[in-house]
Amino acid sequence: MNVWYQVSDLDAACRFYVERLGFAERYRDDEDRWARLELGGVELSLTEDPNVVMGEGIMFTADVANLKDEAERLRAAGVDVSTVIEIPGSMRLVDIEDPDGNRIQLTEEI
């Protein structure tokens, strides 16, 4: 799976995904302003467009082992984390946003 996001600042977006969410940077093209990141077999490509409209685009969903712990870790790292929603007997989910307002939904099957 590969998800592409347009971001207004490639450097800020890469720092967010690597430092806050644990992605590894696998490739970066500073001339054409894009990067490929990876986490748990999921590939996320970021391309810089200074005219990007915040919050438009695809929602990225990532499964985590313990959603409540991950939400607390992100809050402590300064990420704005929504309220954890639990669907009894099914799953927990929470929304965050990257620096450009792209929605990221973290999920945990229960």
PDB file of N, CA and C in Angstrom:
ATOM      1  N   MET A   1       0.845  -1.171   0.000  1.00  0.00           N
ATOM      2  CA  MET A   1       0.000   0.000   0.000  1.00  0.00           C
ATOM      3  C   MET A   1       0.887   1.229   0.000  1.00  0.00           C
ATOM      4  N   ASN A   2       0.534   2.206  -0.820  1.00  0.00           N
ATOM      5  CA  ASN A   2       1.264   3.451  -0.897  1.00  0.00           C
ATOM      6  C   ASN A   2       0.262   4.598  -0.879  1.00  0.00           C
ATOM      7  N   VAL A   3       0.450   5.533   0.021  1.00  0.00           N
ATOM      8  CA  VAL A   3      -0.407   6.703   0.134  1.00  0.00           C
ATOM      9  C   VAL A   3       0.443   7.917  -0.204  1.00  0.00           C
ATOM     10  N   TRP A   4      -0.101   8.827  -1.005  1.00  0.00           N
ATOM     11  CA  TRP A   4       0.581  10.070  -1.349  1.00  0.00           C
ATOM     12  C   TRP A   4      -0.152  11.233  -0.714  1.00  0.00           C
ATOM     13  N   TYR A   5       0.599  12.129  -0.118  1.00  0.00           N
ATOM     14  CA  TYR A   5       0.066  13.374   0.413  1.00  0.00           C
ATOM     15  C   TYR A   5       0.836  14.532  -0.213  1.00  0.00           C
ATOM     16  N   GLN A   6       0.119  15.581  -0.562  1.00  0.00           N
ATOM     17  CA  GLN A   6       0.760  16.835  -0.904  1.00  0.00           C
ATOM     18  C   GLN A   6       0.896  17.620   0.391  1.00  0.00           C
ATOM     19  N   VAL A   7       2.071  18.193   0.602  1.00  0.00           N
ATOM     20  CA  VAL A   7       2.329  18.962   1.819  1.00  0.00           C
ATOM     21  C   VAL A   7       2.925  20.309   1.443  1.00  0.00           C
ATOM     22  N   SER A   8       2.708  21.307   2.282  1.00  0.00           N
ATOM     23  CA  SER A   8       3.226  22.646   1.974  1.00  0.00           C
ATOM     24  C   SER A   8       4.710  22.784   2.304  1.00  0.00           C
ATOM     25  N   ASP A   9       5.218  21.963   3.236  1.00  0.00           N
ATOM     26  CA  ASP A   9       6.615  22.034   3.665  1.00  0.00           C
ATOM     27  C   ASP A   9       7.127  20.612   3.867  1.00  0.00           C
ATOM     28  N   LEU A  10       7.908  20.149   2.913  1.00  0.00           N
ATOM     29  CA  LEU A  10       8.396  18.763   2.951  1.00  0.00           C
ATOM     30  C   LEU A  10       9.210  18.491   4.208  1.00  0.00           C
ATOM     31  N   ASP A  11      10.068  19.418   4.601  1.00  0.00           N
ATOM     32  CA  ASP A  11      10.915  19.203   5.776  1.00  0.00           C
ATOM     33  C   ASP A  11      10.078  19.038   7.041  1.00  0.00           C
ATOM     34  N   ALA A  12       9.092  19.911   7.237  1.00  0.00           N
ATOM     35  CA  ALA A  12       8.231  19.827   8.425  1.00  0.00           C
ATOM     36  C   ALA A  12       7.418  18.540   8.420  1.00  0.00           C
ATOM     37  N   ALA A  13       6.895  18.159   7.260  1.00  0.00           N
ATOM     38  CA  ALA A  13       6.094  16.935   7.177  1.00  0.00           C
ATOM     39  C   ALA A  13       6.947  15.703   7.478  1.00  0.00           C
ATOM     40  N   CYS A  14       8.151  15.644   6.918  1.00  0.00           N
ATOM     41  CA  CYS A  14       9.031  14.497   7.186  1.00  0.00           C
ATOM     42  C   CYS A  14       9.385  14.415   8.663  1.00  0.00           C
ATOM     43  N   ARG A  15       9.700  15.560   9.280  1.00  0.00           N
ATOM     44  CA  ARG A  15      10.003  15.551  10.722  1.00  0.00           C
ATOM     45  C   ARG A  15       8.814  15.001  11.514  1.00  0.00           C
ATOM     46  N   PHE A  16       7.595  15.429  11.184  1.00  0.00           N
ATOM     47  CA  PHE A  16       6.405  14.965  11.892  1.00  0.00           C
ATOM     48  C   PHE A  16       6.263  13.448  11.779  1.00  0.00           C
ATOM     49  N   TYR A  17       6.311  12.918  10.566  1.00  0.00           N
ATOM     50  CA  TYR A  17       6.094  11.484  10.379  1.00  0.00           C
ATOM     51  C   TYR A  17       7.226  10.639  10.959  1.00  0.00           C
ATOM     52  N   VAL A  18       8.459  11.102  10.874  1.00  0.00           N
ATOM     53  CA  VAL A  18       9.598  10.341  11.393  1.00  0.00           C
ATOM     54  C   VAL A  18       9.706  10.470  12.913  1.00  0.00           C
ATOM     55  N   GLU A  19       9.716  11.712  13.411  1.00  0.00           N
ATOM     56  CA  GLU A  19       9.953  11.931  14.840  1.00  0.00           C
ATOM     57  C   GLU A  19       8.742  11.648  15.713  1.00  0.00           C
ATOM     58  N   ARG A  20       7.562  11.914  15.233  1.00  0.00           N
ATOM     59  CA  ARG A  20       6.368  11.763  16.066  1.00  0.00           C
ATOM     60  C   ARG A  20       5.658  10.434  15.841  1.00  0.00           C
ATOM     61  N   LEU A  21       5.648   9.937  14.609  1.00  0.00           N
ATOM     62  CA  LEU A  21       4.877   8.713  14.319  1.00  0.00           C
ATOM     63  C   LEU A  21       5.743   7.485  14.089  1.00  0.00           C
ATOM     64  N   GLY A  22       7.059   7.649  14.008  1.00  0.00           N
ATOM     65  CA  GLY A  22       7.944   6.493  13.922  1.00  0.00           C
ATOM     66  C   GLY A  22       8.219   5.966  12.525  1.00  0.00           C
ATOM     67  N   PHE A  23       7.879   6.724  11.475  1.00  0.00           N
ATOM     68  CA  PHE A  23       8.199   6.302  10.114  1.00  0.00           C
ATOM     69  C   PHE A  23       9.704   6.373   9.903  1.00  0.00           C
ATOM     70  N   ALA A  24      10.195   5.587   8.947  1.00  0.00           N
ATOM     71  CA  ALA A  24      11.592   5.656   8.528  1.00  0.00           C
ATOM     72  C   ALA A  24      11.623   6.296   7.138  1.00  0.00           C
ATOM     73  N   GLU A  25      12.528   7.240   6.950  1.00  0.00           N
ATOM     74  CA  GLU A  25      12.674   7.843   5.631  1.00  0.00           C
ATOM     75  C   GLU A  25      13.482   6.896   4.760  1.00  0.00           C
ATOM     76  N   ARG A  26      12.896   6.437   3.649  1.00  0.00           N
ATOM     77  CA  ARG A  26      13.543   5.469   2.764  1.00  0.00           C
ATOM     78  C   ARG A  26      14.170   6.120   1.537  1.00  0.00           C
ATOM     79  N   TYR A  27      13.626   7.259   1.116  1.00  0.00           N
ATOM     80  CA  TYR A  27      14.153   7.948  -0.057  1.00  0.00           C
ATOM     81  C   TYR A  27      13.755   9.412   0.024  1.00  0.00           C
ATOM     82  N   ARG A  28      14.632  10.277  -0.457  1.00  0.00           N
ATOM     83  CA  ARG A  28      14.309  11.707  -0.470  1.00  0.00           C
ATOM     84  C   ARG A  28      14.930  12.337  -1.705  1.00  0.00           C
ATOM     85  N   ASP A  29      14.148  13.137  -2.408  1.00  0.00           N
ATOM     86  CA  ASP A  29      14.612  13.865  -3.585  1.00  0.00           C
ATOM     87  C   ASP A  29      14.426  15.352  -3.293  1.00  0.00           C
ATOM     88  N   ASP A  30      15.495  16.002  -2.855  1.00  0.00           N
ATOM     89  CA  ASP A  30      15.395  17.418  -2.491  1.00  0.00           C
ATOM     90  C   ASP A  30      15.243  18.319  -3.710  1.00  0.00           C
ATOM     91  N   GLU A  31      15.705  17.868  -4.863  1.00  0.00           N
ATOM     92  CA  GLU A  31      15.556  18.689  -6.075  1.00  0.00           C
ATOM     93  C   GLU A  31      14.087  18.753  -6.510  1.00  0.00           C
ATOM     94  N   ASP A  32      13.424  17.608  -6.564  1.00  0.00           N
ATOM     95  CA  ASP A  32      12.014  17.574  -6.961  1.00  0.00           C
ATOM     96  C   ASP A  32      11.063  17.670  -5.772  1.00  0.00           C
ATOM     97  N   ARG A  33      11.618  17.728  -4.556  1.00  0.00           N
ATOM     98  CA  ARG A  33      10.863  17.950  -3.311  1.00  0.00           C
ATOM     99  C   ARG A  33       9.822  16.878  -3.038  1.00  0.00           C
ATOM    100  N   TRP A  34      10.298  15.639  -2.905  1.00  0.00           N
ATOM    101  CA  TRP A  34       9.417  14.571  -2.458  1.00  0.00           C
ATOM    102  C   TRP A  34      10.231  13.549  -1.682  1.00  0.00           C
ATOM    103  N   ALA A  35       9.510  12.752  -0.861  1.00  0.00           N
ATOM    104  CA  ALA A  35      10.166  11.741  -0.024  1.00  0.00           C
ATOM    105  C   ALA A  35       9.260  10.521   0.097  1.00  0.00           C
ATOM    106  N   ARG A  36       9.892   9.374   0.330  1.00  0.00           N
ATOM    107  CA  ARG A  36       9.159   8.120   0.573  1.00  0.00           C
ATOM    108  C   ARG A  36       9.492   7.654   1.982  1.00  0.00           C
ATOM    109  N   LEU A  37       8.456   7.427   2.786  1.00  0.00           N
ATOM    110  CA  LEU A  37       8.603   6.975   4.164  1.00  0.00           C
ATOM    111  C   LEU A  37       7.948   5.608   4.300  1.00  0.00           C
ATOM    112  N   GLU A  38       8.310   4.857   5.358  1.00  0.00           N
ATOM    113  CA  GLU A  38       7.755   3.514   5.542  1.00  0.00           C
ATOM    114  C   GLU A  38       7.566   3.227   7.014  1.00  0.00           C
ATOM    115  N   LEU A  39       6.470   2.558   7.311  1.00  0.00           N
ATOM    116  CA  LEU A  39       6.191   2.095   8.673  1.00  0.00           C
ATOM    117  C   LEU A  39       5.386   0.815   8.582  1.00  0.00           C
ATOM    118  N   GLY A  40       5.929  -0.272   9.090  1.00  0.00           N
ATOM    119  CA  GLY A  40       5.207  -1.532   9.148  1.00  0.00           C
ATOM    120  C   GLY A  40       4.681  -2.018   7.802  1.00  0.00           C
ATOM    121  N   GLY A  41       5.456  -1.816   6.749  1.00  0.00           N
ATOM    122  CA  GLY A  41       5.050  -2.272   5.428  1.00  0.00           C
ATOM    123  C   GLY A  41       4.172  -1.293   4.659  1.00  0.00           C
ATOM    124  N   VAL A  42       3.819  -0.181   5.277  1.00  0.00           N
ATOM    125  CA  VAL A  42       3.014   0.838   4.598  1.00  0.00           C
ATOM    126  C   VAL A  42       3.947   1.931   4.109  1.00  0.00           C
ATOM    127  N   GLU A  43       3.808   2.279   2.851  1.00  0.00           N
ATOM    128  CA  GLU A  43       4.633   3.313   2.259  1.00  0.00           C
ATOM    129  C   GLU A  43       3.833   4.609   2.149  1.00  0.00           C
ATOM    130  N   LEU A  44       4.420   5.693   2.605  1.00  0.00           N
ATOM    131  CA  LEU A  44       3.808   7.014   2.537  1.00  0.00           C
ATOM    132  C   LEU A  44       4.751   7.910   1.766  1.00  0.00           C
ATOM    133  N   SER A  45       4.265   8.465   0.658  1.00  0.00           N
ATOM    134  CA  SER A  45       5.069   9.390  -0.129  1.00  0.00           C
ATOM    135  C   SER A  45       4.523  10.793   0.063  1.00  0.00           C
ATOM    136  N   LEU A  46       5.436  11.737   0.248  1.00  0.00           N
ATOM    137  CA  LEU A  46       5.083  13.135   0.447  1.00  0.00           C
ATOM    138  C   LEU A  46       5.685  13.946  -0.678  1.00  0.00           C
ATOM    139  N   THR A  47       4.884  14.814  -1.271  1.00  0.00           N
ATOM    140  CA  THR A  47       5.381  15.700  -2.311  1.00  0.00           C
ATOM    141  C   THR A  47       5.029  17.132  -1.944  1.00  0.00           C
ATOM    142  N   GLU A  48       5.997  18.023  -2.114  1.00  0.00           N
ATOM    143  CA  GLU A  48       5.802  19.404  -1.680  1.00  0.00           C
ATOM    144  C   GLU A  48       5.070  20.220  -2.739  1.00  0.00           C
ATOM    145  N   ASP A  49       4.050  20.944  -2.281  1.00  0.00           N
ATOM    146  CA  ASP A  49       3.306  21.891  -3.103  1.00  0.00           C
ATOM    147  C   ASP A  49       2.943  23.057  -2.197  1.00  0.00           C
ATOM    148  N   PRO A  50       3.625  24.196  -2.329  1.00  0.00           N
ATOM    149  CA  PRO A  50       3.360  25.326  -1.438  1.00  0.00           C
ATOM    150  C   PRO A  50       1.921  25.831  -1.503  1.00  0.00           C
ATOM    151  N   ASN A  51       1.168  25.435  -2.530  1.00  0.00           N
ATOM    152  CA  ASN A  51      -0.210  25.898  -2.700  1.00  0.00           C
ATOM    153  C   ASN A  51      -1.243  24.883  -2.227  1.00  0.00           C
ATOM    154  N   VAL A  52      -0.811  23.842  -1.528  1.00  0.00           N
ATOM    155  CA  VAL A  52      -1.735  22.801  -1.075  1.00  0.00           C
ATOM    156  C   VAL A  52      -2.797  23.410  -0.158  1.00  0.00           C
ATOM    157  N   VAL A  53      -4.033  22.922  -0.286  1.00  0.00           N
ATOM    158  CA  VAL A  53      -5.131  23.358   0.574  1.00  0.00           C
ATOM    159  C   VAL A  53      -5.170  22.422   1.767  1.00  0.00           C
ATOM    160  N   MET A  54      -5.038  22.987   2.977  1.00  0.00           N
ATOM    161  CA  MET A  54      -4.959  22.168   4.183  1.00  0.00           C
ATOM    162  C   MET A  54      -6.174  21.270   4.339  1.00  0.00           C
ATOM    163  N   GLY A  55      -5.921  20.001   4.686  1.00  0.00           N
ATOM    164  CA  GLY A  55      -6.975  19.064   5.023  1.00  0.00           C
ATOM    165  C   GLY A  55      -7.621  18.361   3.846  1.00  0.00           C
ATOM    166  N   GLU A  56      -7.283  18.733   2.616  1.00  0.00           N
ATOM    167  CA  GLU A  56      -7.861  18.036   1.475  1.00  0.00           C
ATOM    168  C   GLU A  56      -7.044  16.785   1.178  1.00  0.00           C
ATOM    169  N   GLY A  57      -7.685  15.792   0.656  1.00  0.00           N
ATOM    170  CA  GLY A  57      -6.946  14.610   0.262  1.00  0.00           C
ATOM    171  C   GLY A  57      -7.403  13.369   0.997  1.00  0.00           C
ATOM    172  N   ILE A  58      -6.574  12.373   0.936  1.00  0.00           N
ATOM    173  CA  ILE A  58      -6.876  11.039   1.440  1.00  0.00           C
ATOM    174  C   ILE A  58      -6.659  10.964   2.941  1.00  0.00           C
ATOM    175  N   MET A  59      -7.475  10.180   3.607  1.00  0.00           N
ATOM    176  CA  MET A  59      -7.240   9.899   5.022  1.00  0.00           C
ATOM    177  C   MET A  59      -6.355   8.662   5.111  1.00  0.00           C
ATOM    178  N   PHE A  60      -5.327   8.773   5.871  1.00  0.00           N
ATOM    179  CA  PHE A  60      -4.400   7.674   6.100  1.00  0.00           C
ATOM    180  C   PHE A  60      -4.830   6.968   7.381  1.00  0.00           C
ATOM    181  N   THR A  61      -4.952   5.641   7.349  1.00  0.00           N
ATOM    182  CA  THR A  61      -5.344   4.865   8.519  1.00  0.00           C
ATOM    183  C   THR A  61      -4.213   3.911   8.887  1.00  0.00           C
ATOM    184  N   ALA A  62      -3.889   3.869  10.176  1.00  0.00           N
ATOM    185  CA  ALA A  62      -2.822   2.992  10.648  1.00  0.00           C
ATOM    186  C   ALA A  62      -3.310   2.205  11.855  1.00  0.00           C
ATOM    187  N   ASP A  63      -3.072   0.899  11.855  1.00  0.00           N
ATOM    188  CA  ASP A  63      -3.402   0.043  12.991  1.00  0.00           C
ATOM    189  C   ASP A  63      -2.285   0.143  14.025  1.00  0.00           C
ATOM    190  N   VAL A  64      -2.663   0.224  15.294  1.00  0.00           N
ATOM    191  CA  VAL A  64      -1.697   0.239  16.388  1.00  0.00           C
ATOM    192  C   VAL A  64      -2.073  -0.844  17.390  1.00  0.00           C
ATOM    193  N   ALA A  65      -1.097  -1.282  18.173  1.00  0.00           N
ATOM    194  CA  ALA A  65      -1.331  -2.371  19.125  1.00  0.00           C
ATOM    195  C   ALA A  65      -2.155  -1.917  20.325  1.00  0.00           C
ATOM    196  N   ASN A  66      -1.897  -0.705  20.830  1.00  0.00           N
ATOM    197  CA  ASN A  66      -2.606  -0.200  21.998  1.00  0.00           C
ATOM    198  C   ASN A  66      -2.932   1.269  21.759  1.00  0.00           C
ATOM    199  N   LEU A  67      -4.150   1.537  21.323  1.00  0.00           N
ATOM    200  CA  LEU A  67      -4.550   2.874  20.913  1.00  0.00           C
ATOM    201  C   LEU A  67      -4.484   3.886  22.049  1.00  0.00           C
ATOM    202  N   LYS A  68      -4.926   3.515  23.221  1.00  0.00           N
ATOM    203  CA  LYS A  68      -4.917   4.461  24.341  1.00  0.00           C
ATOM    204  C   LYS A  68      -3.489   4.876  24.695  1.00  0.00           C
ATOM    205  N   ASP A  69      -2.566   3.922  24.736  1.00  0.00           N
ATOM    206  CA  ASP A  69      -1.169   4.248  25.014  1.00  0.00           C
ATOM    207  C   ASP A  69      -0.576   5.131  23.915  1.00  0.00           C
ATOM    208  N   GLU A  70      -0.897   4.815  22.667  1.00  0.00           N
ATOM    209  CA  GLU A  70      -0.379   5.596  21.543  1.00  0.00           C
ATOM    210  C   GLU A  70      -0.938   7.015  21.559  1.00  0.00           C
ATOM    211  N   ALA A  71      -2.211   7.171  21.888  1.00  0.00           N
ATOM    212  CA  ALA A  71      -2.821   8.499  21.984  1.00  0.00           C
ATOM    213  C   ALA A  71      -2.127   9.326  23.063  1.00  0.00           C
ATOM    214  N   GLU A  72      -1.840   8.712  24.200  1.00  0.00           N
ATOM    215  CA  GLU A  72      -1.145   9.428  25.284  1.00  0.00           C
ATOM    216  C   GLU A  72       0.275   9.796  24.884  1.00  0.00           C
ATOM    217  N   ARG A  73       0.959   8.892  24.200  1.00  0.00           N
ATOM    218  CA  ARG A  73       2.326   9.168  23.739  1.00  0.00           C
ATOM    219  C   ARG A  73       2.333  10.359  22.787  1.00  0.00           C
ATOM    220  N   LEU A  74       1.373  10.390  21.871  1.00  0.00           N
ATOM    221  CA  LEU A  74       1.303  11.486  20.912  1.00  0.00           C
ATOM    222  C   LEU A  74       0.950  12.812  21.586  1.00  0.00           C
ATOM    223  N   ARG A  75       0.006  12.771  22.523  1.00  0.00           N
ATOM    224  CA  ARG A  75      -0.334  13.997  23.269  1.00  0.00           C
ATOM    225  C   ARG A  75       0.900  14.550  23.977  1.00  0.00           C
ATOM    226  N   ALA A  76       1.670  13.654  24.606  1.00  0.00           N
ATOM    227  CA  ALA A  76       2.878  14.070  25.316  1.00  0.00           C
ATOM    228  C   ALA A  76       3.913  14.655  24.359  1.00  0.00           C
ATOM    229  N   ALA A  77       3.857  14.237  23.085  1.00  0.00           N
ATOM    230  CA  ALA A  77       4.786  14.752  22.072  1.00  0.00           C
ATOM    231  C   ALA A  77       4.271  16.029  21.423  1.00  0.00           C
ATOM    232  N   GLY A  78       3.109  16.518  21.888  1.00  0.00           N
ATOM    233  CA  GLY A  78       2.579  17.777  21.370  1.00  0.00           C
ATOM    234  C   GLY A  78       1.633  17.659  20.205  1.00  0.00           C
ATOM    235  N   VAL A  79       1.181  16.446  19.906  1.00  0.00           N
ATOM    236  CA  VAL A  79       0.231  16.249  18.803  1.00  0.00           C
ATOM    237  C   VAL A  79      -1.183  16.455  19.327  1.00  0.00           C
ATOM    238  N   ASP A  80      -2.010  17.166  18.547  1.00  0.00           N
ATOM    239  CA  ASP A  80      -3.418  17.355  18.890  1.00  0.00           C
ATOM    240  C   ASP A  80      -4.161  16.061  18.561  1.00  0.00           C
ATOM    241  N   VAL A  81      -4.644  15.382  19.586  1.00  0.00           N
ATOM    242  CA  VAL A  81      -5.278  14.070  19.436  1.00  0.00           C
ATOM    243  C   VAL A  81      -6.757  14.193  19.820  1.00  0.00           C
ATOM    244  N   SER A  82      -7.642  13.689  18.957  1.00  0.00           N
ATOM    245  CA  SER A  82      -9.074  13.735  19.273  1.00  0.00           C
ATOM    246  C   SER A  82      -9.395  12.736  20.383  1.00  0.00           C
ATOM    247  N   THR A  83     -10.637  12.722  20.800  1.00  0.00           N
ATOM    248  CA  THR A  83     -11.099  11.781  21.810  1.00  0.00           C
ATOM    249  C   THR A  83     -11.106  10.368  21.232  1.00  0.00           C
ATOM    250  N   VAL A  84     -10.640   9.406  22.013  1.00  0.00           N
ATOM    251  CA  VAL A  84     -10.673   8.006  21.583  1.00  0.00           C
ATOM    252  C   VAL A  84     -12.126   7.546  21.564  1.00  0.00           C
ATOM    253  N   ILE A  85     -12.535   6.998  20.430  1.00  0.00           N
ATOM    254  CA  ILE A  85     -13.889   6.467  20.272  1.00  0.00           C
ATOM    255  C   ILE A  85     -13.791   4.951  20.286  1.00  0.00           C
ATOM    256  N   GLU A  86     -14.668   4.311  21.057  1.00  0.00           N
ATOM    257  CA  GLU A  86     -14.667   2.850  21.106  1.00  0.00           C
ATOM    258  C   GLU A  86     -15.990   2.311  20.599  1.00  0.00           C
ATOM    259  N   ILE A  87     -15.899   1.401  19.644  1.00  0.00           N
ATOM    260  CA  ILE A  87     -17.059   0.670  19.156  1.00  0.00           C
ATOM    261  C   ILE A  87     -17.017  -0.668  19.887  1.00  0.00           C
ATOM    262  N   PRO A  88     -17.900  -0.856  20.893  1.00  0.00           N
ATOM    263  CA  PRO A  88     -17.825  -2.042  21.754  1.00  0.00           C
ATOM    264  C   PRO A  88     -17.715  -3.355  20.968  1.00  0.00           C
ATOM    265  N   GLY A  89     -16.742  -4.152  21.379  1.00  0.00           N
ATOM    266  CA  GLY A  89     -16.539  -5.465  20.779  1.00  0.00           C
ATOM    267  C   GLY A  89     -15.941  -5.428  19.385  1.00  0.00           C
ATOM    268  N   SER A  90     -15.549  -4.256  18.912  1.00  0.00           N
ATOM    269  CA  SER A  90     -15.051  -4.151  17.548  1.00  0.00           C
ATOM    270  C   SER A  90     -13.704  -3.431  17.474  1.00  0.00           C
ATOM    271  N   MET A  91     -13.707  -2.124  17.743  1.00  0.00           N
ATOM    272  CA  MET A  91     -12.479  -1.364  17.575  1.00  0.00           C
ATOM    273  C   MET A  91     -12.499  -0.049  18.335  1.00  0.00           C
ATOM    274  N   ARG A  92     -11.301   0.518  18.495  1.00  0.00           N
ATOM    275  CA  ARG A  92     -11.119   1.865  19.005  1.00  0.00           C
ATOM    276  C   ARG A  92     -10.500   2.681  17.868  1.00  0.00           C
ATOM    277  N   LEU A  93     -10.814   3.988  17.827  1.00  0.00           N
ATOM    278  CA  LEU A  93     -10.202   4.841  16.825  1.00  0.00           C
ATOM    279  C   LEU A  93     -10.028   6.253  17.350  1.00  0.00           C
ATOM    280  N   VAL A  94      -9.064   6.947  16.785  1.00  0.00           N
ATOM    281  CA  VAL A  94      -8.769   8.323  17.163  1.00  0.00           C
ATOM    282  C   VAL A  94      -8.202   9.033  15.935  1.00  0.00           C
ATOM    283  N   ASP A  95      -8.484  10.314  15.822  1.00  0.00           N
ATOM    284  CA  ASP A  95      -7.979  11.101  14.700  1.00  0.00           C
ATOM    285  C   ASP A  95      -6.889  12.054  15.155  1.00  0.00           C
ATOM    286  N   ILE A  96      -5.888  12.214  14.300  1.00  0.00           N
ATOM    287  CA  ILE A  96      -4.877  13.250  14.450  1.00  0.00           C
ATOM    288  C   ILE A  96      -4.704  13.874  13.073  1.00  0.00           C
ATOM    289  N   GLU A  97      -3.927  14.948  13.003  1.00  0.00           N
ATOM    290  CA  GLU A  97      -3.626  15.583  11.731  1.00  0.00           C
ATOM    291  C   GLU A  97      -2.139  15.842  11.639  1.00  0.00           C
ATOM    292  N   ASP A  98      -1.619  15.765  10.413  1.00  0.00           N
ATOM    293  CA  ASP A  98      -0.229  16.145  10.211  1.00  0.00           C
ATOM    294  C   ASP A  98      -0.160  17.671  10.113  1.00  0.00           C
ATOM    295  N   PRO A  99       1.031  18.266   9.935  1.00  0.00           N
ATOM    296  CA  PRO A  99       1.144  19.723   9.931  1.00  0.00           C
ATOM    297  C   PRO A  99       0.322  20.428   8.853  1.00  0.00           C
ATOM    298  N   ASP A 100      -0.093  19.714   7.792  1.00  0.00           N
ATOM    299  CA  ASP A 100      -0.901  20.319   6.741  1.00  0.00           C
ATOM    300  C   ASP A 100      -2.385  20.027   6.886  1.00  0.00           C
ATOM    301  N   GLY A 101      -2.784  19.428   8.004  1.00  0.00           N
ATOM    302  CA  GLY A 101      -4.196  19.152   8.233  1.00  0.00           C
ATOM    303  C   GLY A 101      -4.692  17.875   7.589  1.00  0.00           C
ATOM    304  N   ASN A 102      -3.787  17.042   7.052  1.00  0.00           N
ATOM    305  CA  ASN A 102      -4.200  15.748   6.508  1.00  0.00           C
ATOM    306  C   ASN A 102      -4.623  14.848   7.656  1.00  0.00           C
ATOM    307  N   ARG A 103      -5.782  14.257   7.513  1.00  0.00           N
ATOM    308  CA  ARG A 103      -6.345  13.415   8.576  1.00  0.00           C
ATOM    309  C   ARG A 103      -5.662  12.065   8.627  1.00  0.00           C
ATOM    310  N   ILE A 104      -5.290  11.666   9.828  1.00  0.00           N
ATOM    311  CA  ILE A 104      -4.710  10.356  10.094  1.00  0.00           C
ATOM    312  C   ILE A 104      -5.582   9.710  11.155  1.00  0.00           C
ATOM    313  N   GLN A 105      -6.067   8.515  10.867  1.00  0.00           N
ATOM    314  CA  GLN A 105      -6.897   7.817  11.835  1.00  0.00           C
ATOM    315  C   GLN A 105      -6.138   6.598  12.330  1.00  0.00           C
ATOM    316  N   LEU A 106      -5.943   6.526  13.641  1.00  0.00           N
ATOM    317  CA  LEU A 106      -5.296   5.381  14.264  1.00  0.00           C
ATOM    318  C   LEU A 106      -6.392   4.451  14.761  1.00  0.00           C
ATOM    319  N   THR A 107      -6.220   3.163  14.541  1.00  0.00           N
ATOM    320  CA  THR A 107      -7.243   2.189  14.921  1.00  0.00           C
ATOM    321  C   THR A 107      -6.620   1.024  15.681  1.00  0.00           C
ATOM    322  N   GLU A 108      -7.434   0.398  16.498  1.00  0.00           N
ATOM    323  CA  GLU A 108      -7.047  -0.802  17.241  1.00  0.00           C
ATOM    324  C   GLU A 108      -8.240  -1.749  17.262  1.00  0.00           C
ATOM    325  N   GLU A 109      -8.050  -2.947  16.759  1.00  0.00           N
ATOM    326  CA  GLU A 109      -9.105  -3.962  16.877  1.00  0.00           C
ATOM    327  C   GLU A 109      -9.134  -4.484  18.294  1.00  0.00           C
ATOM    328  N   ILE A 110     -10.361  -4.673  18.840  1.00  0.00           N
ATOM    329  CA  ILE A 110     -10.479  -5.197  20.208  1.00  0.00           C
ATOM    330  C   ILE A 110     -11.332  -6.444  20.215  1.00  0.00           C
TER     331      ILE A 110
END
